[in-house]
Amino acid sequence: MAATAPRFDRMVPAAPDAVGSLRRELRRWARRQGATPATQASVALAFSEAATSIIAGAPAPAGEEPRPLAVEAWVDGDELGVRLSHPSQRVSRPEADVGHGFGLAIIARVCDRFEVRRRDERPGTAWLMIFRLEREPERSFRLRPSRSSPRR
């Protein structure tokens, strides 16, 4: 399957209601790049966990609009990369939520490489997730005789 869109670039408010639709859009993009269903699921799960952690760790102050969440994805050879960027300086607030931290473990488990670091170009954090791009095999359709045709 040929790549149809070499990059995925979106910027949305870092709000809970943006996560679901963006996750579905990112998964469709990964499918168009030829990713297997397992890789598509890993990309969607890691994205959801990262976006949720970012949003929970840096809520917008009362009365203010949420700050932007930038999502980029690309294919480089046999790797598919996803990067989430947010102006927040913090990765999380473990004291705010019992059980917080499982998302990071899930992301590390489903990615081939995972990093959270400060952005170089401006204040904030960047979450980098790299997946091995296992592509769907090309399908070749052979014509088979129909059951109604005589067999010899």
N, C-alpha and C. Protein backbone atom coordinates (compact mmCIF):
# COMPACT_ATOMS: atom_id res chain seq x y z
N MET A 1 0.86 -1.17 0.00
CA MET A 1 0.00 0.00 0.00
C MET A 1 0.90 1.23 0.00
N ALA A 2 0.70 2.15 -0.86
CA ALA A 2 1.54 3.33 -0.97
C ALA A 2 1.14 4.37 0.07
N ALA A 3 2.14 5.10 0.54
CA ALA A 3 1.86 6.18 1.50
C ALA A 3 1.09 7.28 0.80
N THR A 4 0.03 7.74 1.45
CA THR A 4 -0.80 8.77 0.82
C THR A 4 -0.57 10.14 1.41
N ALA A 5 -0.13 10.21 2.64
CA ALA A 5 0.13 11.49 3.28
C ALA A 5 1.40 11.33 4.12
N PRO A 6 2.50 11.90 3.68
CA PRO A 6 3.76 11.66 4.37
C PRO A 6 3.81 12.18 5.80
N ARG A 7 3.03 13.20 6.11
CA ARG A 7 3.03 13.75 7.47
C ARG A 7 1.60 13.97 7.96
N PHE A 8 1.49 13.92 9.27
CA PHE A 8 0.23 14.21 9.94
C PHE A 8 0.54 15.37 10.88
N ASP A 9 -0.11 16.50 10.70
CA ASP A 9 0.13 17.69 11.53
C ASP A 9 -1.21 18.27 11.95
N ARG A 10 -1.42 18.34 13.26
CA ARG A 10 -2.63 18.94 13.80
C ARG A 10 -2.29 19.75 15.04
N MET A 11 -3.07 20.78 15.28
CA MET A 11 -2.97 21.55 16.52
C MET A 11 -4.39 21.75 17.03
N VAL A 12 -4.63 21.29 18.25
CA VAL A 12 -5.96 21.36 18.85
C VAL A 12 -5.83 21.88 20.28
N PRO A 13 -6.92 22.35 20.87
CA PRO A 13 -6.87 22.72 22.28
C PRO A 13 -6.59 21.47 23.12
N ALA A 14 -5.75 21.60 24.13
CA ALA A 14 -5.43 20.47 25.01
C ALA A 14 -6.58 20.26 25.97
N ALA A 15 -7.66 19.67 25.45
CA ALA A 15 -8.88 19.44 26.22
C ALA A 15 -9.32 18.00 26.01
N PRO A 16 -9.94 17.40 27.01
CA PRO A 16 -10.35 16.00 26.91
C PRO A 16 -11.21 15.67 25.69
N ASP A 17 -12.08 16.59 25.29
CA ASP A 17 -12.97 16.28 24.17
C ASP A 17 -12.27 16.24 22.82
N ALA A 18 -11.00 16.63 22.75
CA ALA A 18 -10.26 16.58 21.49
C ALA A 18 -9.56 15.23 21.28
N VAL A 19 -9.39 14.45 22.33
CA VAL A 19 -8.57 13.24 22.27
C VAL A 19 -9.19 12.16 21.37
N GLY A 20 -10.47 11.85 21.53
CA GLY A 20 -11.09 10.75 20.79
C GLY A 20 -11.05 10.93 19.29
N SER A 21 -11.47 12.08 18.81
CA SER A 21 -11.50 12.29 17.36
C SER A 21 -10.10 12.33 16.77
N LEU A 22 -9.17 12.91 17.51
CA LEU A 22 -7.79 12.95 17.02
C LEU A 22 -7.16 11.57 17.00
N ARG A 23 -7.48 10.75 18.00
CA ARG A 23 -6.98 9.36 18.03
C ARG A 23 -7.48 8.60 16.81
N ARG A 24 -8.76 8.74 16.49
CA ARG A 24 -9.31 8.04 15.32
C ARG A 24 -8.68 8.53 14.03
N GLU A 25 -8.47 9.83 13.92
CA GLU A 25 -7.85 10.40 12.72
C GLU A 25 -6.41 9.92 12.56
N LEU A 26 -5.67 9.86 13.67
CA LEU A 26 -4.28 9.39 13.64
C LEU A 26 -4.22 7.91 13.26
N ARG A 27 -5.15 7.12 13.77
CA ARG A 27 -5.18 5.70 13.43
C ARG A 27 -5.47 5.50 11.94
N ARG A 28 -6.43 6.27 11.40
CA ARG A 28 -6.71 6.18 9.96
C ARG A 28 -5.48 6.57 9.14
N TRP A 29 -4.77 7.60 9.58
CA TRP A 29 -3.55 8.03 8.88
C TRP A 29 -2.53 6.89 8.89
N ALA A 30 -2.34 6.24 10.05
CA ALA A 30 -1.39 5.12 10.14
C ALA A 30 -1.80 3.98 9.20
N ARG A 31 -3.10 3.72 9.11
CA ARG A 31 -3.58 2.68 8.19
C ARG A 31 -3.24 3.04 6.74
N ARG A 32 -3.43 4.32 6.39
CA ARG A 32 -3.10 4.75 5.02
C ARG A 32 -1.61 4.65 4.73
N GLN A 33 -0.78 4.64 5.76
CA GLN A 33 0.65 4.49 5.56
C GLN A 33 1.04 3.02 5.42
N GLY A 34 0.06 2.13 5.56
CA GLY A 34 0.30 0.70 5.40
C GLY A 34 0.55 -0.03 6.69
N ALA A 35 0.34 0.60 7.84
CA ALA A 35 0.57 -0.04 9.13
C ALA A 35 -0.40 -1.20 9.34
N THR A 36 0.08 -2.25 9.99
CA THR A 36 -0.77 -3.39 10.32
C THR A 36 -1.80 -2.96 11.36
N PRO A 37 -2.87 -3.71 11.51
CA PRO A 37 -3.85 -3.38 12.57
C PRO A 37 -3.20 -3.33 13.96
N ALA A 38 -2.24 -4.19 14.25
CA ALA A 38 -1.58 -4.16 15.57
C ALA A 38 -0.79 -2.87 15.77
N THR A 39 -0.10 -2.42 14.74
CA THR A 39 0.65 -1.16 14.84
C THR A 39 -0.31 0.01 14.95
N GLN A 40 -1.41 -0.01 14.19
CA GLN A 40 -2.42 1.04 14.30
C GLN A 40 -2.96 1.13 15.72
N ALA A 41 -3.24 -0.02 16.33
CA ALA A 41 -3.76 -0.04 17.70
C ALA A 41 -2.74 0.50 18.69
N SER A 42 -1.47 0.16 18.50
CA SER A 42 -0.42 0.66 19.40
C SER A 42 -0.28 2.17 19.28
N VAL A 43 -0.32 2.69 18.06
CA VAL A 43 -0.23 4.14 17.85
C VAL A 43 -1.41 4.84 18.54
N ALA A 44 -2.61 4.30 18.35
CA ALA A 44 -3.80 4.92 18.95
C ALA A 44 -3.75 4.88 20.47
N LEU A 45 -3.34 3.75 21.04
CA LEU A 45 -3.28 3.62 22.49
C LEU A 45 -2.22 4.55 23.08
N ALA A 46 -1.03 4.55 22.50
CA ALA A 46 0.04 5.42 23.01
C ALA A 46 -0.35 6.89 22.91
N PHE A 47 -0.96 7.28 21.78
CA PHE A 47 -1.40 8.66 21.64
C PHE A 47 -2.41 9.03 22.72
N SER A 48 -3.42 8.17 22.93
CA SER A 48 -4.45 8.45 23.94
C SER A 48 -3.85 8.62 25.33
N GLU A 49 -2.94 7.72 25.69
CA GLU A 49 -2.33 7.79 27.02
C GLU A 49 -1.48 9.05 27.16
N ALA A 50 -0.71 9.40 26.13
CA ALA A 50 0.14 10.59 26.19
C ALA A 50 -0.72 11.86 26.26
N ALA A 51 -1.73 11.95 25.39
CA ALA A 51 -2.58 13.14 25.38
C ALA A 51 -3.31 13.30 26.70
N THR A 52 -3.82 12.21 27.24
CA THR A 52 -4.53 12.25 28.51
C THR A 52 -3.60 12.69 29.64
N SER A 53 -2.39 12.18 29.64
CA SER A 53 -1.42 12.55 30.67
C SER A 53 -1.04 14.03 30.57
N ILE A 54 -0.87 14.51 29.36
CA ILE A 54 -0.54 15.92 29.16
C ILE A 54 -1.69 16.80 29.64
N ILE A 55 -2.90 16.46 29.25
CA ILE A 55 -4.07 17.27 29.61
C ILE A 55 -4.30 17.25 31.12
N ALA A 56 -4.17 16.08 31.75
CA ALA A 56 -4.38 15.97 33.20
C ALA A 56 -3.27 16.67 33.98
N GLY A 57 -2.06 16.66 33.44
CA GLY A 57 -0.93 17.25 34.13
C GLY A 57 -0.81 18.75 33.99
N ALA A 58 -1.52 19.33 33.04
CA ALA A 58 -1.41 20.76 32.80
C ALA A 58 -2.76 21.35 32.43
N PRO A 59 -3.73 21.31 33.35
CA PRO A 59 -5.05 21.85 33.02
C PRO A 59 -5.00 23.36 32.82
N ALA A 60 -5.90 23.85 32.00
CA ALA A 60 -5.97 25.30 31.77
C ALA A 60 -6.47 25.97 33.05
N PRO A 61 -5.92 27.13 33.40
CA PRO A 61 -6.43 27.86 34.57
C PRO A 61 -7.91 28.19 34.39
N ALA A 62 -8.62 28.27 35.50
CA ALA A 62 -10.06 28.56 35.45
C ALA A 62 -10.34 29.81 34.63
N GLY A 63 -11.31 29.71 33.73
CA GLY A 63 -11.72 30.84 32.91
C GLY A 63 -10.87 31.05 31.67
N GLU A 64 -9.82 30.26 31.48
CA GLU A 64 -8.95 30.41 30.31
C GLU A 64 -9.16 29.25 29.34
N GLU A 65 -8.90 29.52 28.09
CA GLU A 65 -8.95 28.48 27.07
C GLU A 65 -7.77 27.53 27.26
N PRO A 66 -7.95 26.24 26.93
CA PRO A 66 -6.83 25.31 27.01
C PRO A 66 -5.72 25.72 26.05
N ARG A 67 -4.50 25.46 26.44
CA ARG A 67 -3.36 25.77 25.57
C ARG A 67 -3.30 24.74 24.44
N PRO A 68 -2.56 25.03 23.38
CA PRO A 68 -2.56 24.13 22.23
C PRO A 68 -1.76 22.84 22.47
N LEU A 69 -2.26 21.79 21.86
CA LEU A 69 -1.58 20.50 21.82
C LEU A 69 -1.26 20.26 20.35
N ALA A 70 0.02 20.15 20.04
CA ALA A 70 0.45 19.89 18.65
C ALA A 70 0.74 18.41 18.51
N VAL A 71 0.23 17.82 17.43
CA VAL A 71 0.44 16.40 17.15
C VAL A 71 1.05 16.29 15.76
N GLU A 72 2.19 15.64 15.69
CA GLU A 72 2.86 15.41 14.41
C GLU A 72 3.11 13.92 14.29
N ALA A 73 3.01 13.40 13.08
CA ALA A 73 3.36 12.01 12.82
C ALA A 73 4.00 11.94 11.44
N TRP A 74 4.89 10.99 11.28
CA TRP A 74 5.62 10.85 10.03
C TRP A 74 6.10 9.42 9.89
N VAL A 75 6.49 9.08 8.68
CA VAL A 75 7.09 7.79 8.39
C VAL A 75 8.49 8.07 7.90
N ASP A 76 9.44 7.34 8.46
CA ASP A 76 10.84 7.45 8.05
C ASP A 76 11.37 6.03 7.89
N GLY A 77 11.42 5.57 6.66
CA GLY A 77 11.86 4.20 6.40
C GLY A 77 10.89 3.20 7.00
N ASP A 78 11.40 2.39 7.93
CA ASP A 78 10.54 1.38 8.56
C ASP A 78 10.08 1.79 9.96
N GLU A 79 10.06 3.11 10.21
CA GLU A 79 9.59 3.62 11.49
C GLU A 79 8.46 4.63 11.29
N LEU A 80 7.53 4.61 12.21
CA LEU A 80 6.46 5.59 12.24
C LEU A 80 6.64 6.36 13.55
N GLY A 81 6.76 7.68 13.46
CA GLY A 81 6.97 8.51 14.64
C GLY A 81 5.76 9.38 14.94
N VAL A 82 5.51 9.58 16.23
CA VAL A 82 4.44 10.47 16.69
C VAL A 82 5.05 11.38 17.75
N ARG A 83 4.79 12.68 17.62
CA ARG A 83 5.30 13.64 18.59
C ARG A 83 4.16 14.54 19.04
N LEU A 84 3.97 14.62 20.36
CA LEU A 84 3.00 15.52 20.96
C LEU A 84 3.78 16.62 21.65
N SER A 85 3.41 17.87 21.42
CA SER A 85 4.08 19.01 22.05
C SER A 85 3.04 19.87 22.75
N HIS A 86 3.43 20.39 23.92
CA HIS A 86 2.53 21.21 24.73
C HIS A 86 3.36 22.23 25.49
N PRO A 87 2.84 23.44 25.72
CA PRO A 87 3.61 24.47 26.42
C PRO A 87 3.87 24.18 27.89
N SER A 88 3.26 23.15 28.45
CA SER A 88 3.44 22.84 29.87
C SER A 88 4.89 22.45 30.16
N GLN A 89 5.37 22.81 31.32
CA GLN A 89 6.71 22.43 31.76
C GLN A 89 6.71 21.11 32.50
N ARG A 90 5.52 20.65 32.92
CA ARG A 90 5.44 19.45 33.74
C ARG A 90 4.99 18.26 32.90
N VAL A 91 5.45 17.10 33.34
CA VAL A 91 5.04 15.86 32.69
C VAL A 91 3.78 15.34 33.35
N SER A 92 3.69 15.41 34.67
CA SER A 92 2.52 14.88 35.35
C SER A 92 2.47 15.41 36.77
N ARG A 93 1.35 15.10 37.45
CA ARG A 93 1.19 15.43 38.86
C ARG A 93 0.73 14.17 39.58
N PRO A 94 1.66 13.30 39.96
CA PRO A 94 1.27 12.03 40.54
C PRO A 94 0.39 12.16 41.77
N GLU A 95 0.57 13.21 42.59
CA GLU A 95 -0.25 13.35 43.80
C GLU A 95 -1.70 13.66 43.48
N ALA A 96 -2.00 14.08 42.28
CA ALA A 96 -3.36 14.48 41.92
C ALA A 96 -4.26 13.30 41.59
N ASP A 97 -3.68 12.15 41.30
CA ASP A 97 -4.49 11.04 40.84
C ASP A 97 -3.88 9.72 41.27
N VAL A 98 -4.59 8.99 42.09
CA VAL A 98 -4.12 7.67 42.48
C VAL A 98 -4.11 6.80 41.24
N GLY A 99 -3.03 6.09 41.03
CA GLY A 99 -2.93 5.25 39.85
C GLY A 99 -2.29 5.96 38.67
N HIS A 100 -2.01 7.24 38.82
CA HIS A 100 -1.35 7.97 37.74
C HIS A 100 0.02 7.35 37.51
N GLY A 101 0.43 7.26 36.30
CA GLY A 101 1.73 6.69 35.98
C GLY A 101 1.61 5.42 35.18
N PHE A 102 0.45 4.76 35.23
CA PHE A 102 0.27 3.57 34.42
C PHE A 102 0.33 3.90 32.93
N GLY A 103 -0.14 5.09 32.57
CA GLY A 103 -0.12 5.50 31.16
C GLY A 103 1.28 5.53 30.60
N LEU A 104 2.24 6.01 31.38
CA LEU A 104 3.63 6.05 30.92
C LEU A 104 4.15 4.64 30.69
N ALA A 105 3.81 3.72 31.59
CA ALA A 105 4.25 2.33 31.43
C ALA A 105 3.62 1.69 30.19
N ILE A 106 2.34 2.00 29.96
CA ILE A 106 1.67 1.47 28.77
C ILE A 106 2.34 1.99 27.51
N ILE A 107 2.62 3.29 27.47
CA ILE A 107 3.27 3.88 26.28
C ILE A 107 4.62 3.21 26.05
N ALA A 108 5.42 3.09 27.11
CA ALA A 108 6.75 2.47 26.98
C ALA A 108 6.64 1.03 26.48
N ARG A 109 5.57 0.36 26.85
CA ARG A 109 5.39 -1.05 26.45
C ARG A 109 5.02 -1.19 24.97
N VAL A 110 4.18 -0.30 24.45
CA VAL A 110 3.70 -0.46 23.07
C VAL A 110 4.59 0.23 22.03
N CYS A 111 5.51 1.09 22.48
CA CYS A 111 6.41 1.79 21.55
C CYS A 111 7.75 1.05 21.46
N ASP A 112 8.43 1.26 20.36
CA ASP A 112 9.79 0.75 20.26
C ASP A 112 10.78 1.73 20.88
N ARG A 113 10.40 3.00 20.92
CA ARG A 113 11.21 4.03 21.60
C ARG A 113 10.26 5.10 22.11
N PHE A 114 10.51 5.60 23.33
CA PHE A 114 9.63 6.59 23.95
C PHE A 114 10.48 7.55 24.76
N GLU A 115 10.28 8.85 24.54
CA GLU A 115 11.01 9.89 25.26
C GLU A 115 10.07 11.03 25.61
N VAL A 116 10.27 11.60 26.80
CA VAL A 116 9.59 12.83 27.18
C VAL A 116 10.71 13.80 27.51
N ARG A 117 10.69 14.95 26.86
CA ARG A 117 11.77 15.91 27.09
C ARG A 117 11.27 17.33 26.91
N ARG A 118 12.07 18.26 27.36
CA ARG A 118 11.75 19.67 27.13
C ARG A 118 11.94 19.99 25.67
N ARG A 119 11.07 20.85 25.16
CA ARG A 119 11.18 21.24 23.75
C ARG A 119 12.40 22.14 23.58
N ASP A 120 13.08 21.97 22.48
CA ASP A 120 14.26 22.78 22.18
C ASP A 120 13.89 24.18 21.71
N GLU A 121 12.85 24.26 20.89
CA GLU A 121 12.52 25.51 20.21
C GLU A 121 11.76 26.51 21.04
N ARG A 122 11.08 26.07 22.12
CA ARG A 122 10.33 26.98 22.99
C ARG A 122 9.95 26.24 24.27
N PRO A 123 9.45 26.95 25.27
CA PRO A 123 9.10 26.28 26.53
C PRO A 123 8.04 25.21 26.34
N GLY A 124 8.14 24.17 27.14
CA GLY A 124 7.15 23.11 27.10
C GLY A 124 7.80 21.75 27.02
N THR A 125 6.95 20.73 26.84
CA THR A 125 7.43 19.36 26.75
C THR A 125 7.06 18.76 25.41
N ALA A 126 7.84 17.78 25.00
CA ALA A 126 7.58 17.02 23.78
C ALA A 126 7.65 15.54 24.12
N TRP A 127 6.66 14.81 23.67
CA TRP A 127 6.57 13.38 23.87
C TRP A 127 6.83 12.73 22.51
N LEU A 128 7.88 11.95 22.40
CA LEU A 128 8.25 11.29 21.15
C LEU A 128 8.02 9.80 21.28
N MET A 129 7.25 9.25 20.36
CA MET A 129 6.94 7.83 20.35
C MET A 129 7.28 7.28 18.98
N ILE A 130 8.13 6.26 18.94
CA ILE A 130 8.56 5.64 17.68
C ILE A 130 8.06 4.20 17.66
N PHE A 131 7.49 3.81 16.53
CA PHE A 131 6.96 2.47 16.33
C PHE A 131 7.62 1.85 15.10
N ARG A 132 7.92 0.56 15.18
CA ARG A 132 8.39 -0.15 14.00
C ARG A 132 7.19 -0.28 13.07
N LEU A 133 7.36 0.13 11.85
CA LEU A 133 6.25 0.12 10.89
C LEU A 133 6.19 -1.24 10.21
N GLU A 134 5.33 -2.07 10.74
CA GLU A 134 5.08 -3.37 10.12
C GLU A 134 3.95 -3.14 9.13
N ARG A 135 4.27 -3.22 7.88
CA ARG A 135 3.29 -2.91 6.84
C ARG A 135 2.43 -4.12 6.52
N GLU A 136 1.21 -3.82 6.12
CA GLU A 136 0.30 -4.86 5.65
C GLU A 136 0.88 -5.43 4.37
N PRO A 137 0.85 -6.74 4.21
CA PRO A 137 1.36 -7.30 2.94
C PRO A 137 0.46 -6.89 1.78
N GLU A 138 1.08 -6.74 0.64
CA GLU A 138 0.32 -6.43 -0.56
C GLU A 138 -0.58 -7.62 -0.86
N ARG A 139 -1.79 -7.35 -1.24
CA ARG A 139 -2.72 -8.42 -1.52
C ARG A 139 -2.81 -8.63 -3.02
N SER A 140 -2.69 -9.88 -3.38
CA SER A 140 -2.91 -10.21 -4.78
C SER A 140 -4.14 -11.11 -4.83
N PHE A 141 -5.03 -10.77 -5.66
CA PHE A 141 -6.27 -11.51 -5.77
C PHE A 141 -6.20 -12.43 -6.98
N ARG A 142 -6.33 -13.73 -6.70
CA ARG A 142 -6.37 -14.70 -7.79
C ARG A 142 -7.83 -15.02 -8.06
N LEU A 143 -8.10 -15.16 -9.29
CA LEU A 143 -9.46 -15.57 -9.65
C LEU A 143 -9.57 -17.06 -9.42
N ARG A 144 -10.57 -17.43 -8.68
CA ARG A 144 -10.84 -18.84 -8.44
C ARG A 144 -12.06 -19.24 -9.26
N PRO A 145 -12.11 -20.49 -9.65
CA PRO A 145 -13.32 -20.91 -10.35
C PRO A 145 -14.51 -20.85 -9.42
N SER A 146 -15.61 -20.43 -9.94
CA SER A 146 -16.80 -20.36 -9.09
C SER A 146 -17.29 -21.78 -8.86
N ARG A 147 -18.07 -21.94 -7.83
CA ARG A 147 -18.60 -23.26 -7.51
C ARG A 147 -19.60 -23.72 -8.57
N SER A 148 -20.11 -22.80 -9.32
CA SER A 148 -21.09 -23.20 -10.33
C SER A 148 -20.43 -23.66 -11.63
N SER A 149 -19.13 -23.39 -11.78
CA SER A 149 -18.48 -23.81 -13.02
C SER A 149 -18.05 -25.28 -12.89
N PRO A 150 -18.10 -26.01 -13.98
CA PRO A 150 -17.73 -27.42 -13.93
C PRO A 150 -16.24 -27.57 -13.62
N ARG A 151 -15.89 -28.53 -12.80
CA ARG A 151 -14.49 -28.80 -12.44
C ARG A 151 -14.02 -30.03 -13.20
N ARG A 152 -12.82 -30.05 -13.53
CA ARG A 152 -12.26 -31.19 -14.27
C ARG A 152 -11.21 -31.86 -13.50
